[in-house]
Amino acid sequence: MISSAAGSIGDRIRRISHVVVNVSDLDRSVQFYEKVSPLRLVTTFEAPEQSFEPLRLGCDRARFVAAVLEDQTGGDPVAVHLVQWVNPPPTGAAYRTFLDSGITKLGICYPDPERKRAQLREAGAVLTNEKTVRNYFTTTDPDGIFVSFINLPGTVSERLFHTCLAMTAPVDQTVRFYRDVLGLEHWMRVAVPEPVPASLGAGSDLGFYESHFFRGWGDHRFSLDCSKNFLPYAQAAPPREAAHHIGIARFAIEVDDVGRCFDVLRAASAGLDHGPVGAGPVRWVYGPPFGPRRVLVVRDPSGHLFELFTPEQRPFLDRAPGTAQAGHPPAAPSADGG
């Protein structure tokens, strides 16, 4: 197992940057999230045809169009990148249940249950569970991806709260990886001793789990929720390997020096089946406003993929919350790149 003695990249992390969600129709998905959530379109971008190694795409060169959504909390919040692959086209389908073994859902916290219920009803969102427990509403986006709305005590405004990663690895191994090697703050553990009524999504009206929450130091708005499910479910689908598979594909963490992160993670994961994927950082080129970045793809102990990246430029620092980057207003992306 990885231990803190092998080193940590915690002092290299700038922020948890974004969650990558693969969709089949970009415009349709943007409209959905703007109707049901605080997420709003702030810009679009295109990734021109290139190699996206070491991601698995089944082709040497690929491209996509994307929309960046933020929750209007200001500053430099964790964003959602809705990605529509052009070549190769999107494949597969979202996880059918919250009991599957991948990155299964987005979670958004909110303050007012009646207002939230009315908003979902007006948007035509169908809840996944017959009964709602503790004002925990779960629905699906147009591609069937789970989106949960959590009523948290003390929440002032609606915001992106977490993404859920199903643990198949031992809990202690997962905690060591995220806390001691990545250096994230392990700020909460939530567990139930037996199955309890829940409205966590399709698959069961019960929940039986142990969850561990990790977040960046200094910014407490967003968490990675690593959850171990104890309900019997023999058909659990594993994490998706194809990078263009419909669903939540990855999350991304911005670091100050991705090359040094590679050195630390390579040493920490020697002989293990998780850690850096590929021979080291690669260069991906995104169109305006982002530009090129150096990226290291990493696999966690349960098989989930994520990115560590160092951008060559950071375009959003002078942008007011809820507005587009100056000189790069949101524009509807096209499948042909026009």
Protein backbone atom coordinates (compact mmCIF):
# COMPACT_ATOMS: atom_id res chain seq x y z
CA MET A 1 0.00 0.00 0.00
CA ILE A 2 1.01 3.58 -0.61
CA SER A 3 2.06 5.38 2.55
CA SER A 4 2.84 8.98 3.36
CA ALA A 5 6.51 7.99 3.68
CA ALA A 6 6.60 7.74 -0.12
CA GLY A 7 5.89 11.48 -0.39
CA SER A 8 2.95 13.73 -1.14
CA ILE A 9 2.07 16.19 -3.89
CA GLY A 10 -0.10 18.23 -1.51
CA ASP A 11 2.21 21.24 -1.68
CA ARG A 12 1.93 21.18 -5.48
CA ILE A 13 -1.87 21.33 -5.66
CA ARG A 14 -3.43 24.66 -6.59
CA ARG A 15 -7.06 23.56 -6.67
CA ILE A 16 -9.52 20.90 -7.74
CA SER A 17 -10.31 22.40 -11.13
CA HIS A 18 -13.18 20.63 -12.86
CA VAL A 19 -15.20 17.49 -13.50
CA VAL A 20 -15.34 16.10 -17.05
CA VAL A 21 -18.80 14.89 -18.09
CA ASN A 22 -19.14 13.26 -21.52
CA VAL A 23 -22.47 14.02 -23.21
CA SER A 24 -24.08 13.18 -26.54
CA ASP A 25 -25.64 16.60 -27.31
CA LEU A 26 -23.81 19.61 -25.88
CA ASP A 27 -26.54 22.21 -26.34
CA ARG A 28 -29.18 19.95 -24.83
CA SER A 29 -27.04 19.23 -21.78
CA VAL A 30 -26.22 22.91 -21.20
CA GLN A 31 -29.92 23.74 -21.28
CA PHE A 32 -30.70 20.98 -18.78
CA TYR A 33 -28.11 22.03 -16.19
CA GLU A 34 -29.07 25.67 -16.47
CA LYS A 35 -32.73 24.75 -15.84
CA VAL A 36 -32.24 22.52 -12.80
CA SER A 37 -29.07 23.80 -11.12
CA PRO A 38 -26.95 26.88 -10.36
CA LEU A 39 -24.51 25.90 -13.11
CA ARG A 40 -24.27 28.47 -15.90
CA LEU A 41 -22.36 28.52 -19.17
CA VAL A 42 -19.30 30.79 -18.95
CA THR A 43 -17.41 29.78 -22.09
CA THR A 44 -16.98 27.11 -24.72
CA PHE A 45 -13.82 25.71 -26.26
CA GLU A 46 -12.65 23.17 -28.78
CA ALA A 47 -9.81 20.70 -28.60
CA PRO A 48 -8.39 20.39 -32.13
CA GLU A 49 -7.50 17.00 -33.54
CA GLN A 50 -4.53 15.54 -31.68
CA SER A 51 -3.37 12.60 -29.65
CA PHE A 52 -4.93 12.39 -26.21
CA GLU A 53 -2.61 9.68 -25.00
CA PRO A 54 -2.66 7.94 -22.62
CA LEU A 55 -6.49 8.04 -22.65
CA ARG A 56 -8.14 5.08 -24.37
CA LEU A 57 -10.01 6.29 -27.46
CA GLY A 58 -9.46 3.54 -30.03
CA CYS A 59 -7.84 5.96 -32.48
CA ASP A 60 -4.55 7.83 -32.79
CA ARG A 61 -6.06 11.31 -33.09
CA ALA A 62 -9.25 12.74 -31.68
CA ARG A 63 -11.08 15.99 -31.03
CA PHE A 64 -13.99 17.34 -29.01
CA VAL A 65 -16.06 20.42 -28.30
CA ALA A 66 -16.88 21.47 -24.74
CA ALA A 67 -18.86 23.86 -22.56
CA VAL A 68 -17.64 25.18 -19.20
CA LEU A 69 -20.29 25.61 -16.50
CA GLU A 70 -19.77 27.25 -13.11
CA ASP A 71 -22.07 27.57 -10.09
CA GLN A 72 -21.83 31.37 -9.69
CA THR A 73 -20.19 31.26 -6.26
CA GLY A 74 -17.39 33.48 -7.52
CA GLY A 75 -13.63 33.24 -7.29
CA ASP A 76 -12.20 30.21 -9.05
CA PRO A 77 -14.81 27.51 -8.38
CA VAL A 78 -14.74 23.90 -9.48
CA ALA A 79 -16.31 23.82 -12.93
CA VAL A 80 -18.17 21.19 -14.90
CA HIS A 81 -16.76 20.58 -18.38
CA LEU A 82 -19.47 19.12 -20.59
CA VAL A 83 -17.60 17.36 -23.40
CA GLN A 84 -19.01 16.15 -26.69
CA TRP A 85 -16.50 14.02 -28.57
CA VAL A 86 -16.53 14.58 -32.34
CA ASN A 87 -13.95 12.00 -33.38
CA PRO A 88 -14.45 9.37 -32.15
CA PRO A 89 -18.13 10.05 -31.42
CA PRO A 90 -19.56 9.44 -27.94
CA THR A 91 -20.07 5.80 -27.06
CA GLY A 92 -21.89 3.72 -24.45
CA ALA A 93 -24.39 4.82 -21.84
CA ALA A 94 -24.34 6.26 -18.34
CA TYR A 95 -24.33 4.01 -15.28
CA ARG A 96 -27.76 2.56 -14.66
CA THR A 97 -27.58 2.65 -10.85
CA PHE A 98 -25.75 4.48 -8.08
CA LEU A 99 -24.47 1.04 -7.01
CA ASP A 100 -22.13 0.80 -10.00
CA SER A 101 -18.39 1.09 -9.50
CA GLY A 102 -17.44 4.22 -11.41
CA ILE A 103 -17.76 7.97 -10.92
CA THR A 104 -21.50 7.77 -10.60
CA LYS A 105 -22.94 11.22 -9.96
CA LEU A 106 -22.70 14.96 -9.46
CA GLY A 107 -23.95 16.37 -6.17
CA ILE A 108 -25.31 19.90 -5.70
CA CYS A 109 -26.24 21.31 -2.31
CA TYR A 110 -29.14 23.74 -1.89
CA PRO A 111 -30.90 25.66 0.93
CA ASP A 112 -34.67 25.53 0.24
CA PRO A 113 -36.45 22.16 -0.33
CA GLU A 114 -39.76 23.61 -1.51
CA ARG A 115 -38.13 25.95 -3.97
CA LYS A 116 -35.88 23.16 -5.25
CA ARG A 117 -38.78 20.77 -5.65
CA ALA A 118 -40.72 23.40 -7.60
CA GLN A 119 -37.73 24.12 -9.85
CA LEU A 120 -37.27 20.44 -10.67
CA ARG A 121 -40.98 20.02 -11.31
CA GLU A 122 -41.05 23.05 -13.65
CA ALA A 123 -38.06 21.68 -15.56
CA GLY A 124 -39.81 18.32 -16.01
CA ALA A 125 -37.10 16.48 -14.08
CA VAL A 126 -38.19 12.99 -13.01
CA LEU A 127 -36.92 11.78 -9.65
CA THR A 128 -35.27 8.36 -9.56
CA ASN A 129 -36.77 7.14 -6.28
CA GLU A 130 -40.42 6.68 -5.34
CA LYS A 131 -39.89 8.44 -2.00
CA THR A 132 -37.61 11.33 -1.18
CA VAL A 133 -35.60 10.90 2.02
CA ARG A 134 -34.13 13.86 3.94
CA ASN A 135 -34.89 16.20 1.01
CA TYR A 136 -32.29 14.40 -1.09
CA PHE A 137 -33.55 14.68 -4.67
CA THR A 138 -31.94 12.60 -7.40
CA THR A 139 -32.70 12.91 -11.10
CA THR A 140 -30.85 12.21 -14.36
CA ASP A 141 -29.58 14.49 -17.09
CA PRO A 142 -30.53 13.91 -20.76
CA ASP A 143 -27.89 11.16 -21.05
CA GLY A 144 -29.02 9.38 -17.88
CA ILE A 145 -26.20 10.69 -15.68
CA PHE A 146 -27.20 10.96 -12.01
CA VAL A 147 -27.48 14.41 -10.46
CA SER A 148 -28.37 14.67 -6.76
CA PHE A 149 -29.51 17.73 -4.85
CA ILE A 150 -28.60 17.63 -1.17
CA ASN A 151 -30.25 19.84 1.44
CA LEU A 152 -27.35 20.62 3.78
CA PRO A 153 -27.82 22.48 7.08
CA GLY A 154 -26.33 25.95 6.94
CA THR A 155 -26.21 26.11 3.14
CA VAL A 156 -26.66 29.72 2.07
CA SER A 157 -26.66 29.40 -1.71
CA GLU A 158 -26.91 26.56 -4.17
CA ARG A 159 -23.53 25.27 -5.35
CA LEU A 160 -21.68 22.32 -6.79
CA PHE A 161 -20.87 20.14 -3.78
CA HIS A 162 -19.24 16.86 -4.80
CA THR A 163 -18.78 14.07 -7.26
CA CYS A 164 -19.15 10.45 -6.10
CA LEU A 165 -16.47 7.82 -6.67
CA ALA A 166 -17.48 4.28 -5.81
CA MET A 167 -14.75 2.50 -3.84
CA THR A 168 -13.92 -1.07 -4.76
CA ALA A 169 -10.46 -0.90 -3.19
CA PRO A 170 -10.08 -1.22 0.59
CA VAL A 171 -11.13 1.92 2.43
CA ASP A 172 -7.79 2.38 4.22
CA GLN A 173 -5.91 2.16 0.92
CA THR A 174 -8.18 4.78 -0.65
CA VAL A 175 -7.82 7.12 2.33
CA ARG A 176 -4.03 6.81 2.24
CA PHE A 177 -3.99 7.61 -1.47
CA TYR A 178 -6.16 10.74 -1.36
CA ARG A 179 -4.98 12.02 2.02
CA ASP A 180 -1.31 11.04 2.23
CA VAL A 181 -0.20 10.92 -1.41
CA LEU A 182 -2.39 13.51 -3.09
CA GLY A 183 -2.35 15.53 0.13
CA LEU A 184 -6.04 16.50 0.09
CA GLU A 185 -7.89 17.35 3.29
CA HIS A 186 -9.78 14.32 4.63
CA TRP A 187 -12.50 16.30 6.29
CA MET A 188 -15.46 13.99 6.85
CA ARG A 189 -16.46 10.35 7.23
CA VAL A 190 -20.13 9.36 6.98
CA ALA A 191 -21.32 5.79 7.55
CA VAL A 192 -24.53 3.96 8.41
CA PRO A 193 -24.45 0.72 10.45
CA GLU A 194 -27.22 -0.95 8.46
CA PRO A 195 -29.35 -0.32 5.35
CA VAL A 196 -31.44 2.84 5.71
CA PRO A 197 -34.13 4.45 3.48
CA ALA A 198 -32.46 6.61 0.87
CA SER A 199 -33.12 8.44 -2.40
CA LEU A 200 -29.58 8.26 -3.76
CA GLY A 201 -30.61 7.21 -7.27
CA ALA A 202 -31.88 4.30 -9.31
CA GLY A 203 -30.91 0.83 -8.12
CA SER A 204 -32.29 0.81 -4.59
CA ASP A 205 -34.46 2.76 -2.17
CA LEU A 206 -31.94 1.87 0.53
CA GLY A 207 -28.46 3.06 1.30
CA PHE A 208 -25.74 1.11 3.12
CA TYR A 209 -22.36 2.78 2.80
CA GLU A 210 -19.23 4.30 4.25
CA SER A 211 -18.22 7.61 2.65
CA HIS A 212 -14.99 9.58 2.94
CA PHE A 213 -14.86 13.20 1.76
CA PHE A 214 -11.70 14.90 0.48
CA ARG A 215 -11.25 18.54 -0.52
CA GLY A 216 -8.56 21.05 -1.32
CA TRP A 217 -6.98 22.98 1.53
CA GLY A 218 -8.39 26.49 1.75
CA ASP A 219 -11.40 26.10 -0.57
CA HIS A 220 -14.18 24.11 1.05
CA ARG A 221 -16.87 24.38 -1.61
CA PHE A 222 -16.28 21.07 -3.41
CA SER A 223 -15.38 17.54 -2.33
CA LEU A 224 -14.50 14.17 -3.77
CA ASP A 225 -16.84 11.67 -2.12
CA CYS A 226 -15.26 8.20 -2.06
CA SER A 227 -18.03 5.81 -1.01
CA LYS A 228 -17.99 2.11 -0.24
CA ASN A 229 -21.31 0.43 -0.99
CA PHE A 230 -22.30 -2.56 1.14
CA LEU A 231 -25.60 -3.41 -0.59
CA PRO A 232 -25.41 -6.65 -2.57
CA TYR A 233 -25.20 -5.87 -6.29
CA ALA A 234 -23.56 -8.53 -8.45
CA GLN A 235 -23.94 -6.62 -11.74
CA ALA A 236 -21.96 -3.51 -10.75
CA ALA A 237 -20.35 -1.97 -13.83
CA PRO A 238 -16.65 -1.12 -13.42
CA PRO A 239 -15.04 2.28 -14.08
CA ARG A 240 -15.15 3.21 -17.77
CA GLU A 241 -11.85 2.89 -19.58
CA ALA A 242 -12.91 4.52 -22.88
CA ALA A 243 -12.34 8.27 -22.56
CA HIS A 244 -15.30 9.07 -24.86
CA HIS A 245 -17.79 6.93 -22.92
CA ILE A 246 -21.00 8.76 -21.93
CA GLY A 247 -20.97 9.67 -18.23
CA ILE A 248 -18.68 11.31 -15.70
CA ALA A 249 -15.26 10.52 -17.11
CA ARG A 250 -12.69 12.15 -14.82
CA PHE A 251 -11.98 14.99 -12.44
CA ALA A 252 -9.00 17.31 -12.82
CA ILE A 253 -6.61 18.88 -10.31
CA GLU A 254 -4.44 21.85 -11.21
CA VAL A 255 -0.86 21.62 -9.92
CA ASP A 256 2.09 23.98 -10.13
CA ASP A 257 4.52 21.47 -11.66
CA VAL A 258 3.07 18.32 -13.17
CA GLY A 259 6.53 16.92 -13.90
CA ARG A 260 7.48 16.92 -10.22
CA CYS A 261 4.11 15.37 -9.37
CA PHE A 262 4.90 12.55 -11.77
CA ASP A 263 8.19 11.86 -10.03
CA VAL A 264 6.52 11.67 -6.60
CA LEU A 265 3.59 9.52 -7.74
CA ARG A 266 5.80 7.17 -9.74
CA ALA A 267 7.92 6.51 -6.66
CA ALA A 268 4.89 6.19 -4.39
CA SER A 269 3.10 3.70 -6.65
CA ALA A 270 6.03 1.50 -7.66
CA GLY A 271 4.81 -2.09 -8.00
CA LEU A 272 1.14 -1.17 -7.57
CA ASP A 273 -1.72 -1.29 -10.07
CA HIS A 274 -2.55 2.39 -9.61
CA GLY A 275 -0.70 5.66 -9.98
CA PRO A 276 0.47 7.46 -13.15
CA VAL A 277 -0.82 6.12 -16.48
CA GLY A 278 1.70 6.24 -19.32
CA ALA A 279 5.33 7.28 -19.43
CA GLY A 280 4.86 10.75 -17.98
CA PRO A 281 3.16 14.11 -18.60
CA VAL A 282 1.90 14.86 -22.12
CA ARG A 283 0.84 18.09 -23.80
CA TRP A 284 -2.83 18.58 -24.72
CA VAL A 285 -3.90 21.63 -26.71
CA TYR A 286 -7.24 23.27 -26.04
CA GLY A 287 -8.55 26.20 -28.05
CA PRO A 288 -9.24 29.64 -26.53
CA PRO A 289 -9.63 30.61 -23.79
CA PHE A 290 -7.61 27.78 -22.22
CA GLY A 291 -4.71 26.98 -24.52
CA PRO A 292 -2.16 24.19 -24.02
CA ARG A 293 -1.54 22.31 -20.80
CA ARG A 294 0.74 19.56 -19.56
CA VAL A 295 -1.32 16.63 -18.30
CA LEU A 296 -0.64 13.55 -16.23
CA VAL A 297 -3.37 10.91 -16.20
CA VAL A 298 -3.55 9.02 -12.90
CA ARG A 299 -5.50 5.93 -11.78
CA ASP A 300 -6.71 5.71 -8.17
CA PRO A 301 -6.84 2.44 -6.16
CA SER A 302 -10.39 1.66 -7.38
CA GLY A 303 -9.57 2.29 -11.05
CA HIS A 304 -10.98 5.81 -11.46
CA LEU A 305 -9.01 8.05 -13.78
CA PHE A 306 -8.24 11.69 -13.10
CA GLU A 307 -5.94 14.39 -14.44
CA LEU A 308 -3.20 16.43 -12.88
CA PHE A 309 -2.39 19.37 -15.12
CA THR A 310 -0.29 22.51 -15.30
CA PRO A 311 -1.72 25.11 -17.69
CA GLU A 312 0.49 27.29 -19.85
CA GLN A 313 -1.94 30.14 -19.18
CA ARG A 314 -4.76 30.82 -16.71
CA PRO A 315 -7.38 32.91 -18.55
CA PHE A 316 -10.09 33.28 -15.91
CA LEU A 317 -8.31 35.26 -13.21
CA ASP A 318 -9.59 38.65 -14.43
CA ARG A 319 -13.14 37.49 -15.12
CA ALA A 320 -16.12 38.58 -13.05
CA PRO A 321 -18.30 35.75 -11.68
CA GLY A 322 -21.01 34.58 -14.07
CA THR A 323 -19.48 36.28 -17.12
CA ALA A 324 -17.49 35.07 -20.08
CA GLN A 325 -13.78 35.64 -20.43
CA ALA A 326 -13.13 38.99 -22.10
CA GLY A 327 -12.69 38.45 -25.81
CA HIS A 328 -14.12 34.94 -25.66
CA PRO A 329 -17.92 35.13 -25.25
CA PRO A 330 -19.81 31.85 -25.06
CA ALA A 331 -20.59 30.52 -28.50
CA ALA A 332 -22.44 27.40 -29.49
CA PRO A 333 -19.85 24.80 -30.53
CA SER A 334 -20.39 22.87 -33.72
CA ALA A 335 -19.62 19.27 -34.52
CA ASP A 336 -17.69 20.31 -37.66
CA GLY A 337 -15.52 22.78 -35.77
CA GLY A 338 -17.18 25.85 -37.35
